[in-house]
Amino acid sequence: MDTKLTLKLNKHVIMKAKSFAKEQNTSLSRLIENYLHSITDQSMKKQSSTISPVVKSLSGIISLPNDFEFKKSYADYLSQKYK
Protein backbone atom coordinates (compact mmCIF):
# COMPACT_ATOMS: atom_id res chain seq x y z
CA MET A 1 0.00 0.00 0.00
CA ASP A 2 1.53 3.30 -1.06
CA THR A 3 1.14 6.37 1.13
CA LYS A 4 2.00 9.96 0.32
CA LEU A 5 4.88 11.60 2.20
CA THR A 6 5.75 15.31 2.10
CA LEU A 7 9.36 16.36 2.67
CA LYS A 8 11.06 19.75 2.86
CA LEU A 9 14.50 19.61 1.25
CA ASN A 10 17.02 21.99 -0.21
CA LYS A 11 16.10 22.85 -3.81
CA HIS A 12 19.61 22.07 -5.06
CA VAL A 13 19.51 18.62 -3.43
CA ILE A 14 16.13 17.89 -5.02
CA MET A 15 17.39 18.86 -8.49
CA LYS A 16 20.47 16.68 -8.12
CA ALA A 17 18.38 13.78 -6.83
CA LYS A 18 15.92 14.08 -9.73
CA SER A 19 18.80 14.07 -12.18
CA PHE A 20 20.32 11.01 -10.51
CA ALA A 21 16.98 9.18 -10.51
CA LYS A 22 16.56 9.91 -14.22
CA GLU A 23 20.04 8.52 -14.94
CA GLN A 24 19.06 5.38 -13.02
CA ASN A 25 15.78 5.08 -14.96
CA THR A 26 13.72 5.28 -11.80
CA SER A 27 11.50 7.78 -10.05
CA LEU A 28 12.61 9.98 -7.19
CA SER A 29 9.95 8.37 -5.02
CA ARG A 30 11.30 4.88 -5.77
CA LEU A 31 14.85 6.07 -5.13
CA ILE A 32 13.91 7.44 -1.71
CA GLU A 33 11.85 4.36 -0.90
CA ASN A 34 14.79 2.08 -1.73
CA TYR A 35 17.12 4.21 0.38
CA LEU A 36 14.79 4.14 3.39
CA HIS A 37 14.30 0.40 2.96
CA SER A 38 18.07 -0.09 2.83
CA ILE A 39 18.86 1.86 5.99
CA THR A 40 16.05 0.28 7.98
CA ASP A 41 17.21 -3.21 6.91
CA GLN A 42 20.76 -2.39 8.02
CA SER A 43 19.43 -1.21 11.36
CA MET A 44 17.54 -4.47 11.83
CA LYS A 45 20.62 -6.51 10.88
CA LYS A 46 22.73 -4.65 13.45
CA GLN A 47 20.17 -5.40 16.16
CA SER A 48 19.91 -9.07 15.25
CA SER A 49 23.67 -9.55 15.01
CA THR A 50 24.46 -8.62 18.60
CA ILE A 51 26.74 -11.10 20.31
CA SER A 52 25.07 -13.19 22.99
CA PRO A 53 26.46 -13.11 26.55
CA VAL A 54 27.52 -16.77 26.25
CA VAL A 55 29.62 -16.07 23.16
CA LYS A 56 31.09 -12.96 24.80
CA SER A 57 32.10 -15.03 27.82
CA LEU A 58 33.95 -17.49 25.55
CA SER A 59 35.85 -14.78 23.73
CA GLY A 60 39.53 -14.73 24.61
CA ILE A 61 39.62 -18.09 26.37
CA ILE A 62 42.23 -19.53 24.00
CA SER A 63 45.51 -17.72 23.53
CA LEU A 64 47.63 -18.64 20.53
CA PRO A 65 51.10 -17.49 19.52
CA ASN A 66 51.23 -14.54 17.12
CA ASP A 67 52.83 -16.68 14.40
CA PHE A 68 50.15 -19.40 14.57
CA GLU A 69 49.17 -20.55 11.07
CA PHE A 70 45.41 -21.09 11.10
CA LYS A 71 45.15 -22.38 7.52
CA LYS A 72 47.99 -24.87 7.91
CA SER A 73 46.59 -26.12 11.20
CA TYR A 74 43.14 -26.59 9.70
CA ALA A 75 44.57 -28.32 6.61
CA ASP A 76 46.52 -30.69 8.87
CA TYR A 77 43.39 -31.40 10.89
CA LEU A 78 41.37 -32.19 7.74
CA SER A 79 44.06 -34.43 6.29
CA GLN A 80 44.16 -36.42 9.55
CA LYS A 81 40.37 -36.58 9.74
CA TYR A 82 39.90 -37.94 6.22
CA LYS A 83 42.82 -40.43 6.12
PDB file of N, CA and C in Angstrom:
ATOM      1  N   MET A   1       0.839  -1.169   0.000  1.00  0.00           N
ATOM      2  CA  MET A   1       0.000   0.000   0.000  1.00  0.00           C
ATOM      3  C   MET A   1       0.890   1.241   0.000  1.00  0.00           C
ATOM      4  N   ASP A   2       0.735   2.077  -0.975  1.00  0.00           N
ATOM      5  CA  ASP A   2       1.525   3.304  -1.059  1.00  0.00           C
ATOM      6  C   ASP A   2       0.833   4.430  -0.304  1.00  0.00           C
ATOM      7  N   THR A   3       1.629   5.232   0.376  1.00  0.00           N
ATOM      8  CA  THR A   3       1.140   6.372   1.133  1.00  0.00           C
ATOM      9  C   THR A   3       1.960   7.583   0.756  1.00  0.00           C
ATOM     10  N   LYS A   4       1.317   8.726   0.692  1.00  0.00           N
ATOM     11  CA  LYS A   4       1.997   9.958   0.319  1.00  0.00           C
ATOM     12  C   LYS A   4       2.805  10.499   1.501  1.00  0.00           C
ATOM     13  N   LEU A   5       4.000  11.029   1.190  1.00  0.00           N
ATOM     14  CA  LEU A   5       4.882  11.603   2.198  1.00  0.00           C
ATOM     15  C   LEU A   5       5.369  12.953   1.687  1.00  0.00           C
ATOM     16  N   THR A   6       5.288  13.970   2.491  1.00  0.00           N
ATOM     17  CA  THR A   6       5.750  15.306   2.102  1.00  0.00           C
ATOM     18  C   THR A   6       7.046  15.606   2.836  1.00  0.00           C
ATOM     19  N   LEU A   7       8.057  16.028   2.084  1.00  0.00           N
ATOM     20  CA  LEU A   7       9.356  16.363   2.666  1.00  0.00           C
ATOM     21  C   LEU A   7       9.749  17.786   2.287  1.00  0.00           C
ATOM     22  N   LYS A   8      10.476  18.440   3.165  1.00  0.00           N
ATOM     23  CA  LYS A   8      11.057  19.750   2.859  1.00  0.00           C
ATOM     24  C   LYS A   8      12.557  19.544   2.724  1.00  0.00           C
ATOM     25  N   LEU A   9      13.076  19.791   1.502  1.00  0.00           N
ATOM     26  CA  LEU A   9      14.496  19.609   1.248  1.00  0.00           C
ATOM     27  C   LEU A   9      15.040  20.806   0.491  1.00  0.00           C
ATOM     28  N   ASN A  10      16.354  20.940   0.527  1.00  0.00           N
ATOM     29  CA  ASN A  10      17.024  21.989  -0.211  1.00  0.00           C
ATOM     30  C   ASN A  10      16.759  21.809  -1.704  1.00  0.00           C
ATOM     31  N   LYS A  11      16.442  22.907  -2.389  1.00  0.00           N
ATOM     32  CA  LYS A  11      16.099  22.855  -3.814  1.00  0.00           C
ATOM     33  C   LYS A  11      17.227  22.232  -4.641  1.00  0.00           C
ATOM     34  N   HIS A  12      18.451  22.587  -4.323  1.00  0.00           N
ATOM     35  CA  HIS A  12      19.610  22.065  -5.055  1.00  0.00           C
ATOM     36  C   HIS A  12      19.718  20.544  -4.889  1.00  0.00           C
ATOM     37  N   VAL A  13      19.467  20.063  -3.696  1.00  0.00           N
ATOM     38  CA  VAL A  13      19.511  18.621  -3.426  1.00  0.00           C
ATOM     39  C   VAL A  13      18.425  17.908  -4.225  1.00  0.00           C
ATOM     40  N   ILE A  14      17.238  18.487  -4.266  1.00  0.00           N
ATOM     41  CA  ILE A  14      16.134  17.885  -5.021  1.00  0.00           C
ATOM     42  C   ILE A  14      16.478  17.791  -6.501  1.00  0.00           C
ATOM     43  N   MET A  15      17.042  18.853  -7.067  1.00  0.00           N
ATOM     44  CA  MET A  15      17.391  18.864  -8.490  1.00  0.00           C
ATOM     45  C   MET A  15      18.451  17.797  -8.795  1.00  0.00           C
ATOM     46  N   LYS A  16      19.441  17.696  -7.928  1.00  0.00           N
ATOM     47  CA  LYS A  16      20.472  16.675  -8.119  1.00  0.00           C
ATOM     48  C   LYS A  16      19.886  15.269  -8.002  1.00  0.00           C
ATOM     49  N   ALA A  17      19.001  15.083  -7.039  1.00  0.00           N
ATOM     50  CA  ALA A  17      18.382  13.778  -6.828  1.00  0.00           C
ATOM     51  C   ALA A  17      17.492  13.396  -8.014  1.00  0.00           C
ATOM     52  N   LYS A  18      16.755  14.345  -8.557  1.00  0.00           N
ATOM     53  CA  LYS A  18      15.916  14.076  -9.730  1.00  0.00           C
ATOM     54  C   LYS A  18      16.781  13.679 -10.911  1.00  0.00           C
ATOM     55  N   SER A  19      17.888  14.378 -11.083  1.00  0.00           N
ATOM     56  CA  SER A  19      18.801  14.065 -12.178  1.00  0.00           C
ATOM     57  C   SER A  19      19.381  12.664 -12.012  1.00  0.00           C
ATOM     58  N   PHE A  20      19.772  12.343 -10.789  1.00  0.00           N
ATOM     59  CA  PHE A  20      20.317  11.013 -10.511  1.00  0.00           C
ATOM     60  C   PHE A  20      19.276   9.930 -10.770  1.00  0.00           C
ATOM     61  N   ALA A  21      18.053  10.161 -10.310  1.00  0.00           N
ATOM     62  CA  ALA A  21      16.983   9.185 -10.507  1.00  0.00           C
ATOM     63  C   ALA A  21      16.739   8.960 -11.997  1.00  0.00           C
ATOM     64  N   LYS A  22      16.763  10.029 -12.765  1.00  0.00           N
ATOM     65  CA  LYS A  22      16.555   9.912 -14.215  1.00  0.00           C
ATOM     66  C   LYS A  22      17.670   9.077 -14.848  1.00  0.00           C
ATOM     67  N   GLU A  23      18.913   9.308 -14.432  1.00  0.00           N
ATOM     68  CA  GLU A  23      20.044   8.525 -14.939  1.00  0.00           C
ATOM     69  C   GLU A  23      19.891   7.044 -14.606  1.00  0.00           C
ATOM     70  N   GLN A  24      19.259   6.759 -13.475  1.00  0.00           N
ATOM     71  CA  GLN A  24      19.064   5.378 -13.024  1.00  0.00           C
ATOM     72  C   GLN A  24      17.774   4.764 -13.570  1.00  0.00           C
ATOM     73  N   ASN A  25      17.069   5.520 -14.392  1.00  0.00           N
ATOM     74  CA  ASN A  25      15.781   5.079 -14.961  1.00  0.00           C
ATOM     75  C   ASN A  25      14.776   4.676 -13.882  1.00  0.00           C
ATOM     76  N   THR A  26      14.671   5.520 -12.879  1.00  0.00           N
ATOM     77  CA  THR A  26      13.720   5.278 -11.802  1.00  0.00           C
ATOM     78  C   THR A  26      13.119   6.617 -11.375  1.00  0.00           C
ATOM     79  N   SER A  27      12.111   6.549 -10.549  1.00  0.00           N
ATOM     80  CA  SER A  27      11.505   7.784 -10.050  1.00  0.00           C
ATOM     81  C   SER A  27      12.198   8.213  -8.763  1.00  0.00           C
ATOM     82  N   LEU A  28      12.040   9.466  -8.441  1.00  0.00           N
ATOM     83  CA  LEU A  28      12.614   9.978  -7.192  1.00  0.00           C
ATOM     84  C   LEU A  28      11.948   9.299  -5.993  1.00  0.00           C
ATOM     85  N   SER A  29      10.662   9.058  -6.104  1.00  0.00           N
ATOM     86  CA  SER A  29       9.948   8.366  -5.022  1.00  0.00           C
ATOM     87  C   SER A  29      10.525   6.970  -4.796  1.00  0.00           C
ATOM     88  N   ARG A  30      10.755   6.238  -5.882  1.00  0.00           N
ATOM     89  CA  ARG A  30      11.295   4.879  -5.767  1.00  0.00           C
ATOM     90  C   ARG A  30      12.714   4.920  -5.199  1.00  0.00           C
ATOM     91  N   LEU A  31      13.491   5.911  -5.625  1.00  0.00           N
ATOM     92  CA  LEU A  31      14.850   6.068  -5.133  1.00  0.00           C
ATOM     93  C   LEU A  31      14.860   6.284  -3.624  1.00  0.00           C
ATOM     94  N   ILE A  32      13.997   7.156  -3.150  1.00  0.00           N
ATOM     95  CA  ILE A  32      13.913   7.436  -1.714  1.00  0.00           C
ATOM     96  C   ILE A  32      13.380   6.230  -0.957  1.00  0.00           C
ATOM     97  N   GLU A  33      12.392   5.559  -1.535  1.00  0.00           N
ATOM     98  CA  GLU A  33      11.849   4.360  -0.897  1.00  0.00           C
ATOM     99  C   GLU A  33      12.926   3.287  -0.748  1.00  0.00           C
ATOM    100  N   ASN A  34      13.707   3.076  -1.794  1.00  0.00           N
ATOM    101  CA  ASN A  34      14.786   2.084  -1.732  1.00  0.00           C
ATOM    102  C   ASN A  34      15.828   2.463  -0.688  1.00  0.00           C
ATOM    103  N   TYR A  35      16.148   3.750  -0.617  1.00  0.00           N
ATOM    104  CA  TYR A  35      17.117   4.210   0.381  1.00  0.00           C
ATOM    105  C   TYR A  35      16.600   3.952   1.794  1.00  0.00           C
ATOM    106  N   LEU A  36      15.359   4.335   2.050  1.00  0.00           N
ATOM    107  CA  LEU A  36      14.789   4.137   3.386  1.00  0.00           C
ATOM    108  C   LEU A  36      14.695   2.646   3.730  1.00  0.00           C
ATOM    109  N   HIS A  37      14.354   1.849   2.747  1.00  0.00           N
ATOM    110  CA  HIS A  37      14.303   0.397   2.956  1.00  0.00           C
ATOM    111  C   HIS A  37      15.693  -0.129   3.309  1.00  0.00           C
ATOM    112  N   SER A  38      16.692   0.358   2.601  1.00  0.00           N
ATOM    113  CA  SER A  38      18.073  -0.086   2.828  1.00  0.00           C
ATOM    114  C   SER A  38      18.549   0.254   4.234  1.00  0.00           C
ATOM    115  N   ILE A  39      18.343   1.477   4.664  1.00  0.00           N
ATOM    116  CA  ILE A  39      18.857   1.864   5.991  1.00  0.00           C
ATOM    117  C   ILE A  39      18.077   1.210   7.122  1.00  0.00           C
ATOM    118  N   THR A  40      16.794   0.947   6.908  1.00  0.00           N
ATOM    119  CA  THR A  40      16.050   0.278   7.976  1.00  0.00           C
ATOM    120  C   THR A  40      16.419  -1.199   8.039  1.00  0.00           C
ATOM    121  N   ASP A  41      16.732  -1.823   6.902  1.00  0.00           N
ATOM    122  CA  ASP A  41      17.209  -3.207   6.908  1.00  0.00           C
ATOM    123  C   ASP A  41      18.547  -3.315   7.618  1.00  0.00           C
ATOM    124  N   GLN A  42      19.447  -2.369   7.369  1.00  0.00           N
ATOM    125  CA  GLN A  42      20.756  -2.387   8.019  1.00  0.00           C
ATOM    126  C   GLN A  42      20.598  -2.250   9.521  1.00  0.00           C
ATOM    127  N   SER A  43      19.671  -1.401   9.938  1.00  0.00           N
ATOM    128  CA  SER A  43      19.434  -1.206  11.362  1.00  0.00           C
ATOM    129  C   SER A  43      18.941  -2.497  11.999  1.00  0.00           C
ATOM    130  N   MET A  44      18.055  -3.216  11.308  1.00  0.00           N
ATOM    131  CA  MET A  44      17.540  -4.472  11.830  1.00  0.00           C
ATOM    132  C   MET A  44      18.641  -5.523  11.887  1.00  0.00           C
ATOM    133  N   LYS A  45      19.525  -5.543  10.897  1.00  0.00           N
ATOM    134  CA  LYS A  45      20.617  -6.509  10.884  1.00  0.00           C
ATOM    135  C   LYS A  45      21.564  -6.261  12.049  1.00  0.00           C
ATOM    136  N   LYS A  46      21.837  -4.981  12.341  1.00  0.00           N
ATOM    137  CA  LYS A  46      22.729  -4.654  13.451  1.00  0.00           C
ATOM    138  C   LYS A  46      22.129  -5.137  14.771  1.00  0.00           C
ATOM    139  N   GLN A  47      20.820  -4.969  14.925  1.00  0.00           N
ATOM    140  CA  GLN A  47      20.168  -5.395  16.157  1.00  0.00           C
ATOM    141  C   GLN A  47      20.192  -6.910  16.288  1.00  0.00           C
ATOM    142  N   SER A  48      19.972  -7.615  15.167  1.00  0.00           N
ATOM    143  CA  SER A  48      19.911  -9.066  15.249  1.00  0.00           C
ATOM    144  C   SER A  48      21.285  -9.705  15.307  1.00  0.00           C
ATOM    145  N   SER A  49      22.336  -8.958  15.008  1.00  0.00           N
ATOM    146  CA  SER A  49      23.670  -9.546  15.006  1.00  0.00           C
ATOM    147  C   SER A  49      24.459  -9.220  16.279  1.00  0.00           C
ATOM    148  N   THR A  50      23.758  -8.868  17.343  1.00  0.00           N
ATOM    149  CA  THR A  50      24.456  -8.625  18.595  1.00  0.00           C
ATOM    150  C   THR A  50      24.972  -9.947  19.140  1.00  0.00           C
ATOM    151  N   ILE A  51      26.093  -9.895  19.791  1.00  0.00           N
ATOM    152  CA  ILE A  51      26.738 -11.098  20.312  1.00  0.00           C
ATOM    153  C   ILE A  51      26.090 -11.469  21.643  1.00  0.00           C
ATOM    154  N   SER A  52      25.733 -12.732  21.756  1.00  0.00           N
ATOM    155  CA  SER A  52      25.075 -13.191  22.986  1.00  0.00           C
ATOM    156  C   SER A  52      26.073 -13.190  24.143  1.00  0.00           C
ATOM    157  N   PRO A  53      25.574 -13.089  25.371  1.00  0.00           N
ATOM    158  CA  PRO A  53      26.460 -13.111  26.547  1.00  0.00           C
ATOM    159  C   PRO A  53      27.305 -14.376  26.628  1.00  0.00           C
ATOM    160  N   VAL A  54      26.770 -15.507  26.201  1.00  0.00           N
ATOM    161  CA  VAL A  54      27.523 -16.770  26.247  1.00  0.00           C
ATOM    162  C   VAL A  54      28.737 -16.685  25.331  1.00  0.00           C
ATOM    163  N   VAL A  55      28.516 -16.188  24.112  1.00  0.00           N
ATOM    164  CA  VAL A  55      29.623 -16.072  23.162  1.00  0.00           C
ATOM    165  C   VAL A  55      30.644 -15.053  23.669  1.00  0.00           C
ATOM    166  N   LYS A  56      30.171 -13.955  24.243  1.00  0.00           N
ATOM    167  CA  LYS A  56      31.091 -12.960  24.804  1.00  0.00           C
ATOM    168  C   LYS A  56      31.948 -13.570  25.916  1.00  0.00           C
ATOM    169  N   SER A  57      31.342 -14.431  26.715  1.00  0.00           N
ATOM    170  CA  SER A  57      32.101 -15.034  27.822  1.00  0.00           C
ATOM    171  C   SER A  57      33.174 -15.990  27.307  1.00  0.00           C
ATOM    172  N   LEU A  58      32.968 -16.571  26.125  1.00  0.00           N
ATOM    173  CA  LEU A  58      33.950 -17.491  25.552  1.00  0.00           C
ATOM    174  C   LEU A  58      35.077 -16.769  24.825  1.00  0.00           C
ATOM    175  N   SER A  59      34.860 -15.542  24.478  1.00  0.00           N
ATOM    176  CA  SER A  59      35.847 -14.777  23.727  1.00  0.00           C
ATOM    177  C   SER A  59      37.114 -14.581  24.548  1.00  0.00           C
ATOM    178  N   GLY A  60      38.255 -14.930  23.958  1.00  0.00           N
ATOM    179  CA  GLY A  60      39.535 -14.727  24.605  1.00  0.00           C
ATOM    180  C   GLY A  60      39.984 -15.858  25.498  1.00  0.00           C
ATOM    181  N   ILE A  61      39.247 -16.965  25.518  1.00  0.00           N
ATOM    182  CA  ILE A  61      39.617 -18.093  26.374  1.00  0.00           C
ATOM    183  C   ILE A  61      40.909 -18.742  25.894  1.00  0.00           C
ATOM    184  N   ILE A  62      41.052 -18.879  24.577  1.00  0.00           N
ATOM    185  CA  ILE A  62      42.229 -19.529  24.005  1.00  0.00           C
ATOM    186  C   ILE A  62      43.226 -18.460  23.583  1.00  0.00           C
ATOM    187  N   SER A  63      44.474 -18.642  24.004  1.00  0.00           N
ATOM    188  CA  SER A  63      45.512 -17.723  23.535  1.00  0.00           C
ATOM    189  C   SER A  63      46.491 -18.511  22.671  1.00  0.00           C
ATOM    190  N   LEU A  64      46.746 -17.989  21.488  1.00  0.00           N
ATOM    191  CA  LEU A  64      47.633 -18.637  20.534  1.00  0.00           C
ATOM    192  C   LEU A  64      48.822 -17.737  20.261  1.00  0.00           C
ATOM    193  N   PRO A  65      49.944 -18.326  19.856  1.00  0.00           N
ATOM    194  CA  PRO A  65      51.096 -17.486  19.518  1.00  0.00           C
ATOM    195  C   PRO A  65      50.788 -16.605  18.302  1.00  0.00           C
ATOM    196  N   ASN A  66      51.463 -15.474  18.214  1.00  0.00           N
ATOM    197  CA  ASN A  66      51.228 -14.535  17.119  1.00  0.00           C
ATOM    198  C   ASN A  66      51.531 -15.136  15.750  1.00  0.00           C
ATOM    199  N   ASP A  67      52.451 -16.092  15.690  1.00  0.00           N
ATOM    200  CA  ASP A  67      52.825 -16.684  14.399  1.00  0.00           C
ATOM    201  C   ASP A  67      52.046 -17.962  14.085  1.00  0.00           C
ATOM    202  N   PHE A  68      50.957 -18.210  14.793  1.00  0.00           N
ATOM    203  CA  PHE A  68      50.149 -19.405  14.573  1.00  0.00           C
ATOM    204  C   PHE A  68      49.542 -19.373  13.175  1.00  0.00           C
ATOM    205  N   GLU A  69      49.674 -20.470  12.432  1.00  0.00           N
ATOM    206  CA  GLU A  69      49.174 -20.553  11.067  1.00  0.00           C
ATOM    207  C   GLU A  69      47.838 -21.295  11.058  1.00  0.00           C
ATOM    208  N   PHE A  70      46.749 -20.516  11.033  1.00  0.00           N
ATOM    209  CA  PHE A  70      45.411 -21.090  11.101  1.00  0.00           C
ATOM    210  C   PHE A  70      45.131 -22.029   9.925  1.00  0.00           C
ATOM    211  N   LYS A  71      45.441 -21.582   8.711  1.00  0.00           N
ATOM    212  CA  LYS A  71      45.145 -22.378   7.523  1.00  0.00           C
ATOM    213  C   LYS A  71      45.909 -23.705   7.520  1.00  0.00           C
ATOM    214  N   LYS A  72      47.178 -23.649   7.886  1.00  0.00           N
ATOM    215  CA  LYS A  72      47.987 -24.868   7.912  1.00  0.00           C
ATOM    216  C   LYS A  72      47.446 -25.824   8.971  1.00  0.00           C
ATOM    217  N   SER A  73      47.119 -25.294  10.118  1.00  0.00           N
ATOM    218  CA  SER A  73      46.593 -26.119  11.197  1.00  0.00           C
ATOM    219  C   SER A  73      45.283 -26.789  10.781  1.00  0.00           C
ATOM    220  N   TYR A  74      44.417 -26.037  10.132  1.00  0.00           N
ATOM    221  CA  TYR A  74      43.139 -26.590   9.696  1.00  0.00           C
ATOM    222  C   TYR A  74      43.343 -27.632   8.591  1.00  0.00           C
ATOM    223  N   ALA A  75      44.259 -27.364   7.671  1.00  0.00           N
ATOM    224  CA  ALA A  75      44.567 -28.321   6.606  1.00  0.00           C
ATOM    225  C   ALA A  75      45.111 -29.617   7.208  1.00  0.00           C
ATOM    226  N   ASP A  76      45.986 -29.503   8.195  1.00  0.00           N
ATOM    227  CA  ASP A  76      46.521 -30.692   8.871  1.00  0.00           C
ATOM    228  C   ASP A  76      45.398 -31.474   9.558  1.00  0.00           C
ATOM    229  N   TYR A  77      44.516 -30.766  10.215  1.00  0.00           N
ATOM    230  CA  TYR A  77      43.389 -31.398  10.889  1.00  0.00           C
ATOM    231  C   TYR A  77      42.523 -32.169   9.886  1.00  0.00           C
ATOM    232  N   LEU A  78      42.207 -31.529   8.748  1.00  0.00           N
ATOM    233  CA  LEU A  78      41.368 -32.191   7.743  1.00  0.00           C
ATOM    234  C   LEU A  78      42.063 -33.402   7.109  1.00  0.00           C
ATOM    235  N   SER A  79      43.352 -33.290   6.880  1.00  0.00           N
ATOM    236  CA  SER A  79      44.061 -34.430   6.294  1.00  0.00           C
ATOM    237  C   SER A  79      44.096 -35.612   7.269  1.00  0.00           C
ATOM    238  N   GLN A  80      44.201 -35.346   8.553  1.00  0.00           N
ATOM    239  CA  GLN A  80      44.161 -36.420   9.555  1.00  0.00           C
ATOM    240  C   GLN A  80      42.751 -37.003   9.668  1.00  0.00           C
ATOM    241  N   LYS A  81      41.760 -36.147   9.595  1.00  0.00           N
ATOM    242  CA  LYS A  81      40.373 -36.582   9.741  1.00  0.00           C
ATOM    243  C   LYS A  81      39.936 -37.496   8.604  1.00  0.00           C
ATOM    244  N   TYR A  82      40.364 -37.189   7.382  1.00  0.00           N
ATOM    245  CA  TYR A  82      39.905 -37.941   6.223  1.00  0.00           C
ATOM    246  C   TYR A  82      40.944 -38.918   5.685  1.00  0.00           C
ATOM    247  N   LYS A  83      41.841 -39.403   6.524  1.00  0.00           N
ATOM    248  CA  LYS A  83      42.821 -40.428   6.116  1.00  0.00           C
ATOM    249  C   LYS A  83      42.154 -41.747   5.939  1.00  0.00           C
TER     250      LYS A  83
END
